[in-house]
Amino acid sequence: MADKVRVGVLISGRGSNLEALADYKRKADPAYDIVLVASNVPEARGLVLACRFGLPVWAHSHKGMSRADFDDLVDAEFRRHDVEVIALAGYMRLLSPEFIVKWEGRILNIHPSLLPDYKGLDTHRRALMAGEEYAGCSVHVVTEELDDGPIIAQAKVRIAARDTAETLAERVLTEEHRLYPAALDAYCRKLRQFPLPFRGEG
């Protein structure tokens, strides 16, 4: 596909969803190219994975910095690489309101629950404790409210009688790896068809 959307991926850990996004790109012809993988954890395993995929990487510790100052660094790096859409893939840090405003409508996140249920952390244990029949994952647009932006895709996972938080997490993660690349692809196709005003120059 010509004129692919330039995607920057933010990670903090092992990068399993990054791997799914990159692997999908090798197997399909998605509407996106990953042009930068960035992290707030310089030793994150996902950066090694990104290098194996031949993807450019950038890392800088956020320690000792204000949230806004660190996000300014990320913003500048993404703009330097002409990033158009940001995909959060296990990024364990809240984004500053100023950053979210600059990238309004252009930040996607995958969350391990069927939003709007179980926002935040510890989603699988909370679903089990509530006696839910289903768990799952959601891809949503990031807004200033935590895990509260428009939902663009979801996948359900039936909770088994013997599930623990760990076994449920494994099965939900499998669905995340299936859902996120397809949702990002669809979102980027829509963005090319219906362009958003870009405030990334901030």
N, C-alpha and C. Protein backbone atom coordinates (compact mmCIF):
# COMPACT_ATOMS: atom_id res chain seq x y z
N MET A 1 0.85 -1.20 0.00
CA MET A 1 0.00 0.00 0.00
C MET A 1 0.87 1.24 0.00
N ALA A 2 0.61 2.14 -0.90
CA ALA A 2 1.38 3.37 -0.98
C ALA A 2 0.96 4.33 0.14
N ASP A 3 1.87 5.25 0.47
CA ASP A 3 1.56 6.29 1.43
C ASP A 3 1.08 5.72 2.77
N LYS A 4 1.87 4.86 3.33
CA LYS A 4 1.51 4.25 4.61
C LYS A 4 1.62 5.27 5.74
N VAL A 5 0.82 5.08 6.76
CA VAL A 5 0.86 5.94 7.94
C VAL A 5 2.10 5.58 8.75
N ARG A 6 2.82 6.61 9.17
CA ARG A 6 4.06 6.43 9.91
C ARG A 6 3.74 6.32 11.40
N VAL A 7 4.04 5.16 11.98
CA VAL A 7 3.67 4.85 13.36
C VAL A 7 4.89 4.82 14.26
N GLY A 8 4.77 5.45 15.41
CA GLY A 8 5.75 5.33 16.47
C GLY A 8 5.17 4.49 17.59
N VAL A 9 5.95 3.55 18.11
CA VAL A 9 5.48 2.64 19.16
C VAL A 9 6.21 2.97 20.46
N LEU A 10 5.43 3.09 21.54
CA LEU A 10 5.99 3.34 22.87
C LEU A 10 5.90 2.07 23.71
N ILE A 11 7.02 1.66 24.29
CA ILE A 11 7.06 0.44 25.11
C ILE A 11 7.80 0.71 26.41
N SER A 12 7.58 -0.19 27.37
CA SER A 12 8.35 -0.13 28.62
C SER A 12 8.95 -1.47 29.00
N GLY A 13 8.50 -2.55 28.35
CA GLY A 13 8.90 -3.87 28.80
C GLY A 13 9.32 -4.80 27.69
N ARG A 14 8.77 -6.02 27.70
CA ARG A 14 9.26 -7.08 26.83
C ARG A 14 8.86 -6.91 25.37
N GLY A 15 7.81 -6.13 25.10
CA GLY A 15 7.48 -5.81 23.72
C GLY A 15 6.70 -6.87 22.96
N SER A 16 5.86 -7.65 23.65
CA SER A 16 5.13 -8.70 22.94
C SER A 16 4.11 -8.12 21.96
N ASN A 17 3.47 -7.03 22.32
CA ASN A 17 2.54 -6.41 21.37
C ASN A 17 3.28 -5.70 20.24
N LEU A 18 4.45 -5.17 20.53
CA LEU A 18 5.30 -4.64 19.46
C LEU A 18 5.62 -5.73 18.46
N GLU A 19 5.98 -6.91 18.97
CA GLU A 19 6.28 -8.02 18.08
C GLU A 19 5.08 -8.37 17.20
N ALA A 20 3.88 -8.34 17.80
CA ALA A 20 2.68 -8.63 17.02
C ALA A 20 2.46 -7.59 15.92
N LEU A 21 2.69 -6.33 16.25
CA LEU A 21 2.52 -5.26 15.25
C LEU A 21 3.53 -5.40 14.12
N ALA A 22 4.77 -5.69 14.47
CA ALA A 22 5.83 -5.83 13.46
C ALA A 22 5.63 -7.09 12.63
N ASP A 23 5.24 -8.18 13.28
CA ASP A 23 5.04 -9.44 12.57
C ASP A 23 3.87 -9.35 11.60
N TYR A 24 2.82 -8.67 12.00
CA TYR A 24 1.65 -8.45 11.14
C TYR A 24 2.06 -7.70 9.88
N LYS A 25 2.96 -6.74 10.05
CA LYS A 25 3.42 -5.96 8.90
C LYS A 25 4.19 -6.83 7.90
N ARG A 26 4.89 -7.84 8.40
CA ARG A 26 5.63 -8.72 7.51
C ARG A 26 4.70 -9.67 6.75
N LYS A 27 3.59 -10.05 7.38
CA LYS A 27 2.69 -11.05 6.80
C LYS A 27 1.60 -10.44 5.92
N ALA A 28 1.20 -9.23 6.24
CA ALA A 28 0.10 -8.59 5.53
C ALA A 28 0.63 -7.36 4.79
N ASP A 29 -0.27 -6.57 4.25
CA ASP A 29 0.11 -5.30 3.64
C ASP A 29 -0.69 -4.20 4.33
N PRO A 30 -0.32 -3.91 5.59
CA PRO A 30 -1.11 -2.96 6.36
C PRO A 30 -0.91 -1.53 5.90
N ALA A 31 -1.73 -0.67 6.46
CA ALA A 31 -1.68 0.75 6.10
C ALA A 31 -0.65 1.51 6.93
N TYR A 32 0.16 0.80 7.69
CA TYR A 32 1.13 1.49 8.55
C TYR A 32 2.54 0.94 8.37
N ASP A 33 3.50 1.81 8.67
CA ASP A 33 4.90 1.45 8.80
C ASP A 33 5.35 1.87 10.20
N ILE A 34 6.07 1.01 10.90
CA ILE A 34 6.66 1.38 12.18
C ILE A 34 7.98 2.07 11.90
N VAL A 35 8.06 3.35 12.23
CA VAL A 35 9.25 4.12 11.89
C VAL A 35 10.12 4.42 13.11
N LEU A 36 9.60 4.14 14.32
CA LEU A 36 10.40 4.34 15.53
C LEU A 36 9.77 3.56 16.69
N VAL A 37 10.64 2.92 17.47
CA VAL A 37 10.21 2.30 18.73
C VAL A 37 10.93 3.06 19.84
N ALA A 38 10.15 3.64 20.75
CA ALA A 38 10.71 4.48 21.81
C ALA A 38 10.35 3.89 23.17
N SER A 39 11.22 4.13 24.15
CA SER A 39 10.98 3.58 25.48
C SER A 39 11.51 4.51 26.56
N ASN A 40 10.83 4.48 27.71
CA ASN A 40 11.30 5.18 28.90
C ASN A 40 12.20 4.30 29.75
N VAL A 41 12.44 3.07 29.28
CA VAL A 41 13.28 2.12 30.00
C VAL A 41 14.40 1.67 29.06
N PRO A 42 15.59 2.24 29.17
CA PRO A 42 16.67 1.92 28.22
C PRO A 42 17.03 0.44 28.15
N GLU A 43 16.79 -0.32 29.23
CA GLU A 43 17.11 -1.74 29.23
C GLU A 43 15.92 -2.62 28.86
N ALA A 44 14.84 -2.04 28.37
CA ALA A 44 13.64 -2.80 28.03
C ALA A 44 13.96 -3.88 26.99
N ARG A 45 13.47 -5.09 27.24
CA ARG A 45 13.72 -6.21 26.32
C ARG A 45 13.13 -5.93 24.94
N GLY A 46 12.06 -5.17 24.90
CA GLY A 46 11.42 -4.88 23.62
C GLY A 46 12.30 -4.11 22.66
N LEU A 47 13.28 -3.37 23.18
CA LEU A 47 14.19 -2.64 22.29
C LEU A 47 15.10 -3.60 21.54
N VAL A 48 15.51 -4.67 22.19
CA VAL A 48 16.30 -5.70 21.52
C VAL A 48 15.47 -6.34 20.41
N LEU A 49 14.23 -6.61 20.73
CA LEU A 49 13.31 -7.18 19.75
C LEU A 49 13.14 -6.26 18.55
N ALA A 50 13.00 -4.96 18.83
CA ALA A 50 12.85 -3.99 17.74
C ALA A 50 14.06 -4.00 16.82
N CYS A 51 15.23 -4.08 17.41
CA CYS A 51 16.46 -4.12 16.60
C CYS A 51 16.49 -5.37 15.72
N ARG A 52 16.00 -6.48 16.24
CA ARG A 52 15.96 -7.70 15.44
C ARG A 52 15.03 -7.56 14.24
N PHE A 53 14.00 -6.73 14.39
CA PHE A 53 13.09 -6.46 13.28
C PHE A 53 13.63 -5.37 12.36
N GLY A 54 14.79 -4.81 12.71
CA GLY A 54 15.37 -3.75 11.89
C GLY A 54 14.70 -2.40 12.08
N LEU A 55 14.05 -2.19 13.23
CA LEU A 55 13.34 -0.94 13.48
C LEU A 55 14.22 0.05 14.24
N PRO A 56 14.15 1.32 13.90
CA PRO A 56 14.90 2.33 14.65
C PRO A 56 14.40 2.40 16.09
N VAL A 57 15.31 2.61 17.03
CA VAL A 57 14.93 2.68 18.43
C VAL A 57 15.47 3.96 19.07
N TRP A 58 14.78 4.38 20.10
CA TRP A 58 15.20 5.52 20.93
C TRP A 58 14.79 5.22 22.35
N ALA A 59 15.67 5.48 23.32
CA ALA A 59 15.35 5.23 24.71
C ALA A 59 15.97 6.32 25.59
N HIS A 60 15.24 6.68 26.62
CA HIS A 60 15.72 7.67 27.58
C HIS A 60 14.97 7.42 28.88
N SER A 61 15.69 7.33 29.98
CA SER A 61 15.03 7.14 31.27
C SER A 61 14.26 8.38 31.67
N HIS A 62 13.08 8.16 32.24
CA HIS A 62 12.27 9.28 32.71
C HIS A 62 12.64 9.69 34.14
N LYS A 63 13.51 8.92 34.78
CA LYS A 63 13.83 9.17 36.19
C LYS A 63 14.45 10.56 36.38
N GLY A 64 13.96 11.26 37.38
CA GLY A 64 14.46 12.59 37.67
C GLY A 64 13.87 13.68 36.81
N MET A 65 12.94 13.34 35.93
CA MET A 65 12.33 14.32 35.04
C MET A 65 10.85 14.46 35.36
N SER A 66 10.31 15.64 35.12
CA SER A 66 8.87 15.81 35.24
C SER A 66 8.21 15.07 34.07
N ARG A 67 6.94 14.74 34.25
CA ARG A 67 6.22 14.04 33.19
C ARG A 67 6.19 14.87 31.90
N ALA A 68 5.93 16.16 32.05
CA ALA A 68 5.84 17.04 30.88
C ALA A 68 7.18 17.16 30.17
N ASP A 69 8.28 17.29 30.94
CA ASP A 69 9.59 17.42 30.31
C ASP A 69 9.98 16.15 29.56
N PHE A 70 9.70 15.00 30.16
CA PHE A 70 10.01 13.75 29.47
C PHE A 70 9.18 13.62 28.21
N ASP A 71 7.89 13.94 28.30
CA ASP A 71 7.03 13.83 27.12
C ASP A 71 7.45 14.79 26.02
N ASP A 72 8.04 15.92 26.39
CA ASP A 72 8.58 16.83 25.37
C ASP A 72 9.69 16.15 24.58
N LEU A 73 10.54 15.37 25.27
CA LEU A 73 11.59 14.63 24.57
C LEU A 73 11.00 13.63 23.59
N VAL A 74 9.99 12.89 24.06
CA VAL A 74 9.33 11.90 23.21
C VAL A 74 8.67 12.59 22.01
N ASP A 75 7.99 13.67 22.27
CA ASP A 75 7.32 14.42 21.21
C ASP A 75 8.32 14.88 20.14
N ALA A 76 9.43 15.43 20.59
CA ALA A 76 10.44 15.91 19.64
C ALA A 76 11.01 14.77 18.81
N GLU A 77 11.21 13.61 19.43
CA GLU A 77 11.76 12.47 18.69
C GLU A 77 10.75 11.93 17.68
N PHE A 78 9.51 11.88 18.06
CA PHE A 78 8.48 11.41 17.13
C PHE A 78 8.33 12.38 15.96
N ARG A 79 8.39 13.67 16.24
CA ARG A 79 8.28 14.64 15.14
C ARG A 79 9.50 14.56 14.23
N ARG A 80 10.65 14.29 14.81
CA ARG A 80 11.87 14.16 14.00
C ARG A 80 11.77 13.00 13.03
N HIS A 81 11.00 11.97 13.41
CA HIS A 81 10.79 10.81 12.54
C HIS A 81 9.48 10.89 11.76
N ASP A 82 8.85 12.06 11.76
CA ASP A 82 7.60 12.28 11.02
C ASP A 82 6.52 11.27 11.38
N VAL A 83 6.44 10.94 12.67
CA VAL A 83 5.41 10.02 13.14
C VAL A 83 4.04 10.66 13.00
N GLU A 84 3.05 9.86 12.58
CA GLU A 84 1.68 10.35 12.43
C GLU A 84 0.73 9.74 13.46
N VAL A 85 1.00 8.50 13.87
CA VAL A 85 0.16 7.81 14.85
C VAL A 85 1.07 7.15 15.87
N ILE A 86 0.67 7.20 17.14
CA ILE A 86 1.42 6.57 18.22
C ILE A 86 0.65 5.35 18.71
N ALA A 87 1.34 4.22 18.82
CA ALA A 87 0.74 3.01 19.37
C ALA A 87 1.41 2.69 20.71
N LEU A 88 0.64 2.72 21.78
CA LEU A 88 1.16 2.33 23.09
C LEU A 88 1.12 0.81 23.18
N ALA A 89 2.25 0.21 23.47
CA ALA A 89 2.34 -1.26 23.50
C ALA A 89 3.06 -1.68 24.77
N GLY A 90 2.32 -1.69 25.87
CA GLY A 90 2.95 -1.98 27.14
C GLY A 90 3.76 -0.82 27.66
N TYR A 91 3.27 0.40 27.42
CA TYR A 91 3.95 1.60 27.91
C TYR A 91 3.40 1.91 29.30
N MET A 92 4.22 1.70 30.32
CA MET A 92 3.75 1.76 31.71
C MET A 92 3.97 3.13 32.33
N ARG A 93 3.50 4.14 31.62
CA ARG A 93 3.67 5.50 32.13
C ARG A 93 2.52 6.35 31.59
N LEU A 94 1.89 7.13 32.47
CA LEU A 94 0.83 8.01 32.03
C LEU A 94 1.41 9.14 31.19
N LEU A 95 0.71 9.51 30.14
CA LEU A 95 1.13 10.62 29.29
C LEU A 95 0.59 11.93 29.86
N SER A 96 1.36 12.99 29.69
CA SER A 96 0.93 14.29 30.18
C SER A 96 -0.23 14.82 29.35
N PRO A 97 -1.11 15.62 29.96
CA PRO A 97 -2.23 16.20 29.19
C PRO A 97 -1.75 16.99 27.98
N GLU A 98 -0.63 17.70 28.14
CA GLU A 98 -0.13 18.51 27.02
C GLU A 98 0.25 17.62 25.83
N PHE A 99 0.86 16.50 26.11
CA PHE A 99 1.25 15.57 25.04
C PHE A 99 0.01 15.01 24.35
N ILE A 100 -0.98 14.63 25.13
CA ILE A 100 -2.20 14.05 24.56
C ILE A 100 -2.92 15.06 23.67
N VAL A 101 -2.94 16.31 24.10
CA VAL A 101 -3.58 17.35 23.28
C VAL A 101 -2.86 17.52 21.94
N LYS A 102 -1.52 17.50 21.98
CA LYS A 102 -0.75 17.64 20.74
C LYS A 102 -1.06 16.52 19.75
N TRP A 103 -1.30 15.32 20.28
CA TRP A 103 -1.50 14.14 19.44
C TRP A 103 -2.96 13.67 19.47
N GLU A 104 -3.85 14.61 19.64
CA GLU A 104 -5.27 14.28 19.78
C GLU A 104 -5.78 13.41 18.61
N GLY A 105 -6.37 12.28 18.96
CA GLY A 105 -6.91 11.38 17.94
C GLY A 105 -5.87 10.53 17.26
N ARG A 106 -4.62 10.63 17.70
CA ARG A 106 -3.53 9.91 17.03
C ARG A 106 -2.76 8.98 17.97
N ILE A 107 -3.30 8.71 19.14
CA ILE A 107 -2.66 7.79 20.08
C ILE A 107 -3.62 6.64 20.35
N LEU A 108 -3.16 5.41 20.09
CA LEU A 108 -3.97 4.23 20.38
C LEU A 108 -3.32 3.44 21.52
N ASN A 109 -4.16 2.74 22.27
CA ASN A 109 -3.67 1.90 23.36
C ASN A 109 -4.45 0.59 23.37
N ILE A 110 -3.79 -0.48 23.80
CA ILE A 110 -4.48 -1.75 24.02
C ILE A 110 -4.55 -1.98 25.53
N HIS A 111 -5.76 -2.26 26.00
CA HIS A 111 -5.98 -2.42 27.45
C HIS A 111 -6.56 -3.81 27.70
N PRO A 112 -6.08 -4.51 28.74
CA PRO A 112 -6.50 -5.90 28.97
C PRO A 112 -7.81 -6.03 29.75
N SER A 113 -8.85 -5.38 29.27
CA SER A 113 -10.20 -5.59 29.81
C SER A 113 -11.20 -5.18 28.74
N LEU A 114 -12.44 -5.53 28.98
CA LEU A 114 -13.52 -5.09 28.10
C LEU A 114 -14.01 -3.73 28.60
N LEU A 115 -13.30 -2.70 28.17
CA LEU A 115 -13.68 -1.35 28.59
C LEU A 115 -15.15 -1.07 28.23
N PRO A 116 -15.86 -0.31 29.05
CA PRO A 116 -15.35 0.55 30.13
C PRO A 116 -15.13 -0.15 31.47
N ASP A 117 -15.27 -1.47 31.52
CA ASP A 117 -15.04 -2.19 32.77
C ASP A 117 -13.55 -2.32 33.07
N TYR A 118 -13.20 -2.24 34.31
CA TYR A 118 -11.86 -2.53 34.83
C TYR A 118 -10.76 -1.68 34.17
N LYS A 119 -10.96 -0.40 34.28
CA LYS A 119 -9.89 0.51 33.87
C LYS A 119 -8.72 0.40 34.85
N GLY A 120 -7.54 0.80 34.42
CA GLY A 120 -6.39 0.77 35.31
C GLY A 120 -5.72 -0.59 35.35
N LEU A 121 -5.16 -0.94 36.52
CA LEU A 121 -4.33 -2.13 36.66
C LEU A 121 -5.09 -3.30 37.27
N ASP A 122 -4.44 -4.47 37.28
CA ASP A 122 -4.94 -5.66 37.95
C ASP A 122 -6.30 -6.10 37.39
N THR A 123 -6.45 -5.98 36.09
CA THR A 123 -7.76 -6.19 35.47
C THR A 123 -8.24 -7.64 35.58
N HIS A 124 -7.35 -8.59 35.43
CA HIS A 124 -7.78 -10.00 35.41
C HIS A 124 -8.25 -10.47 36.78
N ARG A 125 -7.52 -10.12 37.82
CA ARG A 125 -7.95 -10.50 39.16
C ARG A 125 -9.29 -9.86 39.50
N ARG A 126 -9.45 -8.61 39.11
CA ARG A 126 -10.71 -7.93 39.41
C ARG A 126 -11.89 -8.57 38.67
N ALA A 127 -11.67 -8.98 37.43
CA ALA A 127 -12.74 -9.64 36.68
C ALA A 127 -13.11 -10.98 37.32
N LEU A 128 -12.09 -11.72 37.77
CA LEU A 128 -12.35 -13.00 38.43
C LEU A 128 -13.09 -12.80 39.75
N MET A 129 -12.68 -11.83 40.53
CA MET A 129 -13.31 -11.57 41.82
C MET A 129 -14.77 -11.14 41.65
N ALA A 130 -15.07 -10.51 40.54
CA ALA A 130 -16.45 -10.05 40.28
C ALA A 130 -17.33 -11.15 39.71
N GLY A 131 -16.73 -12.31 39.40
CA GLY A 131 -17.52 -13.40 38.85
C GLY A 131 -17.96 -13.18 37.41
N GLU A 132 -17.17 -12.47 36.65
CA GLU A 132 -17.52 -12.19 35.25
C GLU A 132 -17.51 -13.46 34.41
N GLU A 133 -18.34 -13.48 33.39
CA GLU A 133 -18.35 -14.62 32.45
C GLU A 133 -17.27 -14.44 31.39
N TYR A 134 -17.00 -13.19 31.05
CA TYR A 134 -16.01 -12.90 30.01
C TYR A 134 -15.00 -11.88 30.51
N ALA A 135 -13.78 -12.03 30.03
CA ALA A 135 -12.76 -10.99 30.11
C ALA A 135 -12.44 -10.61 28.66
N GLY A 136 -11.33 -9.92 28.45
CA GLY A 136 -10.98 -9.58 27.08
C GLY A 136 -10.04 -8.41 27.00
N CYS A 137 -9.99 -7.79 25.85
CA CYS A 137 -9.10 -6.65 25.62
C CYS A 137 -9.78 -5.64 24.71
N SER A 138 -9.31 -4.41 24.81
CA SER A 138 -9.90 -3.30 24.05
C SER A 138 -8.79 -2.43 23.45
N VAL A 139 -8.97 -2.03 22.21
CA VAL A 139 -8.12 -1.01 21.60
C VAL A 139 -8.92 0.29 21.61
N HIS A 140 -8.32 1.34 22.15
CA HIS A 140 -9.06 2.60 22.26
C HIS A 140 -8.16 3.78 21.94
N VAL A 141 -8.79 4.89 21.61
CA VAL A 141 -8.08 6.14 21.39
C VAL A 141 -7.78 6.75 22.76
N VAL A 142 -6.57 7.21 22.96
CA VAL A 142 -6.15 7.76 24.25
C VAL A 142 -6.65 9.19 24.39
N THR A 143 -7.27 9.45 25.55
CA THR A 143 -7.68 10.80 25.93
C THR A 143 -7.08 11.11 27.30
N GLU A 144 -7.38 12.28 27.81
CA GLU A 144 -6.80 12.67 29.10
C GLU A 144 -7.33 11.85 30.26
N GLU A 145 -8.51 11.24 30.12
CA GLU A 145 -9.05 10.38 31.15
C GLU A 145 -8.50 8.97 30.98
N LEU A 146 -8.06 8.35 32.06
CA LEU A 146 -7.42 7.04 32.00
C LEU A 146 -8.35 5.99 31.40
N ASP A 147 -7.89 5.33 30.33
CA ASP A 147 -8.60 4.22 29.69
C ASP A 147 -10.04 4.59 29.35
N ASP A 148 -10.25 5.82 28.89
CA ASP A 148 -11.62 6.33 28.73
C ASP A 148 -11.93 6.79 27.30
N GLY A 149 -10.98 6.67 26.38
CA GLY A 149 -11.21 7.17 25.03
C GLY A 149 -12.10 6.25 24.22
N PRO A 150 -12.51 6.70 23.04
CA PRO A 150 -13.38 5.90 22.17
C PRO A 150 -12.79 4.52 21.88
N ILE A 151 -13.61 3.50 22.01
CA ILE A 151 -13.19 2.12 21.76
C ILE A 151 -13.32 1.83 20.27
N ILE A 152 -12.27 1.29 19.67
CA ILE A 152 -12.33 1.00 18.24
C ILE A 152 -12.36 -0.49 17.94
N ALA A 153 -12.00 -1.34 18.91
CA ALA A 153 -12.05 -2.79 18.70
C ALA A 153 -11.98 -3.50 20.05
N GLN A 154 -12.64 -4.65 20.13
CA GLN A 154 -12.59 -5.47 21.35
C GLN A 154 -12.58 -6.94 20.98
N ALA A 155 -12.04 -7.75 21.88
CA ALA A 155 -12.08 -9.21 21.73
C ALA A 155 -12.43 -9.81 23.09
N LYS A 156 -13.37 -10.76 23.09
CA LYS A 156 -13.81 -11.41 24.33
C LYS A 156 -13.06 -12.72 24.55
N VAL A 157 -12.86 -13.04 25.83
CA VAL A 157 -12.29 -14.32 26.24
C VAL A 157 -13.18 -14.88 27.35
N ARG A 158 -13.73 -16.06 27.14
CA ARG A 158 -14.58 -16.65 28.17
C ARG A 158 -13.72 -17.08 29.37
N ILE A 159 -14.16 -16.75 30.54
CA ILE A 159 -13.45 -17.11 31.75
C ILE A 159 -13.79 -18.54 32.14
N ALA A 160 -12.77 -19.37 32.30
CA ALA A 160 -12.97 -20.77 32.67
C ALA A 160 -13.05 -20.90 34.20
N ALA A 161 -13.69 -21.98 34.64
CA ALA A 161 -13.91 -22.18 36.08
C ALA A 161 -12.61 -22.22 36.86
N ARG A 162 -11.56 -22.78 36.26
CA ARG A 162 -10.29 -22.92 36.97
C ARG A 162 -9.28 -21.82 36.65
N ASP A 163 -9.72 -20.77 35.98
CA ASP A 163 -8.80 -19.69 35.65
C ASP A 163 -8.25 -19.01 36.89
N THR A 164 -6.98 -18.68 36.80
CA THR A 164 -6.35 -17.76 37.74
C THR A 164 -6.08 -16.46 36.99
N ALA A 165 -5.66 -15.45 37.71
CA ALA A 165 -5.31 -14.20 37.04
C ALA A 165 -4.22 -14.43 36.00
N GLU A 166 -3.30 -15.35 36.30
CA GLU A 166 -2.17 -15.62 35.40
C GLU A 166 -2.63 -16.36 34.14
N THR A 167 -3.45 -17.40 34.29
CA THR A 167 -3.89 -18.14 33.10
C THR A 167 -4.81 -17.29 32.24
N LEU A 168 -5.64 -16.49 32.89
CA LEU A 168 -6.51 -15.60 32.13
C LEU A 168 -5.70 -14.56 31.37
N ALA A 169 -4.68 -14.03 32.03
CA ALA A 169 -3.81 -13.03 31.38
C ALA A 169 -3.15 -13.59 30.13
N GLU A 170 -2.73 -14.85 30.18
CA GLU A 170 -2.08 -15.47 29.02
C GLU A 170 -3.04 -15.56 27.84
N ARG A 171 -4.28 -15.95 28.11
CA ARG A 171 -5.24 -16.10 27.01
C ARG A 171 -5.70 -14.74 26.47
N VAL A 172 -5.81 -13.77 27.36
CA VAL A 172 -6.15 -12.43 26.89
C VAL A 172 -5.01 -11.86 26.05
N LEU A 173 -3.77 -12.10 26.46
CA LEU A 173 -2.63 -11.60 25.70
C LEU A 173 -2.60 -12.17 24.29
N THR A 174 -2.97 -13.43 24.14
CA THR A 174 -3.06 -14.02 22.80
C THR A 174 -4.04 -13.24 21.94
N GLU A 175 -5.16 -12.83 22.52
CA GLU A 175 -6.14 -12.05 21.78
C GLU A 175 -5.63 -10.64 21.49
N GLU A 176 -4.87 -10.08 22.43
CA GLU A 176 -4.28 -8.77 22.19
C GLU A 176 -3.41 -8.79 20.93
N HIS A 177 -2.61 -9.85 20.81
CA HIS A 177 -1.69 -9.95 19.68
C HIS A 177 -2.44 -10.10 18.35
N ARG A 178 -3.62 -10.64 18.40
CA ARG A 178 -4.45 -10.75 17.20
C ARG A 178 -5.18 -9.45 16.91
N LEU A 179 -5.70 -8.82 17.96
CA LEU A 179 -6.57 -7.66 17.81
C LEU A 179 -5.83 -6.38 17.45
N TYR A 180 -4.72 -6.11 18.15
CA TYR A 180 -4.07 -4.81 18.03
C TYR A 180 -3.58 -4.50 16.61
N PRO A 181 -2.87 -5.41 15.95
CA PRO A 181 -2.40 -5.08 14.60
C PRO A 181 -3.55 -4.80 13.63
N ALA A 182 -4.60 -5.60 13.69
CA ALA A 182 -5.74 -5.39 12.79
C ALA A 182 -6.43 -4.07 13.09
N ALA A 183 -6.55 -3.72 14.37
CA ALA A 183 -7.20 -2.47 14.74
C ALA A 183 -6.36 -1.27 14.31
N LEU A 184 -5.05 -1.35 14.50
CA LEU A 184 -4.16 -0.27 14.07
C LEU A 184 -4.22 -0.11 12.56
N ASP A 185 -4.22 -1.22 11.85
CA ASP A 185 -4.32 -1.19 10.39
C ASP A 185 -5.59 -0.48 9.95
N ALA A 186 -6.72 -0.87 10.54
CA ALA A 186 -8.01 -0.28 10.17
C ALA A 186 -8.04 1.21 10.50
N TYR A 187 -7.47 1.57 11.65
CA TYR A 187 -7.48 2.97 12.05
C TYR A 187 -6.63 3.81 11.10
N CYS A 188 -5.50 3.28 10.69
CA CYS A 188 -4.63 4.02 9.77
C CYS A 188 -5.28 4.16 8.38
N ARG A 189 -5.97 3.13 7.94
CA ARG A 189 -6.69 3.24 6.67
C ARG A 189 -7.75 4.34 6.73
N LYS A 190 -8.45 4.38 7.86
CA LYS A 190 -9.47 5.41 8.04
C LYS A 190 -8.84 6.79 8.09
N LEU A 191 -7.67 6.90 8.73
CA LEU A 191 -6.98 8.18 8.82
C LEU A 191 -6.58 8.70 7.45
N ARG A 192 -6.16 7.80 6.57
CA ARG A 192 -5.82 8.22 5.22
C ARG A 192 -7.06 8.66 4.44
N GLN A 193 -8.19 8.03 4.72
CA GLN A 193 -9.43 8.35 4.02
C GLN A 193 -10.05 9.63 4.58
N PHE A 194 -9.95 9.80 5.89
CA PHE A 194 -10.55 10.97 6.55
C PHE A 194 -9.48 11.61 7.45
N PRO A 195 -8.61 12.42 6.88
CA PRO A 195 -7.48 12.97 7.64
C PRO A 195 -7.94 13.83 8.82
N LEU A 196 -7.18 13.73 9.91
CA LEU A 196 -7.42 14.55 11.10
C LEU A 196 -6.53 15.79 11.04
N PRO A 197 -6.99 16.90 11.62
CA PRO A 197 -6.06 18.03 11.82
C PRO A 197 -4.91 17.55 12.69
N PHE A 198 -3.70 17.85 12.29
CA PHE A 198 -2.53 17.38 13.03
C PHE A 198 -1.98 18.47 13.89
N ARG A 199 -1.96 18.22 15.21
CA ARG A 199 -1.48 19.23 16.15
C ARG A 199 -0.10 18.87 16.67
N GLY A 200 0.55 17.92 16.03
CA GLY A 200 1.84 17.41 16.51
C GLY A 200 2.97 18.41 16.47
N GLU A 201 2.80 19.50 15.73
CA GLU A 201 3.87 20.48 15.69
C GLU A 201 3.91 21.29 16.97
N GLY A 202 2.79 21.21 17.72
CA GLY A 202 2.72 21.78 19.07
C GLY A 202 3.33 23.14 19.20
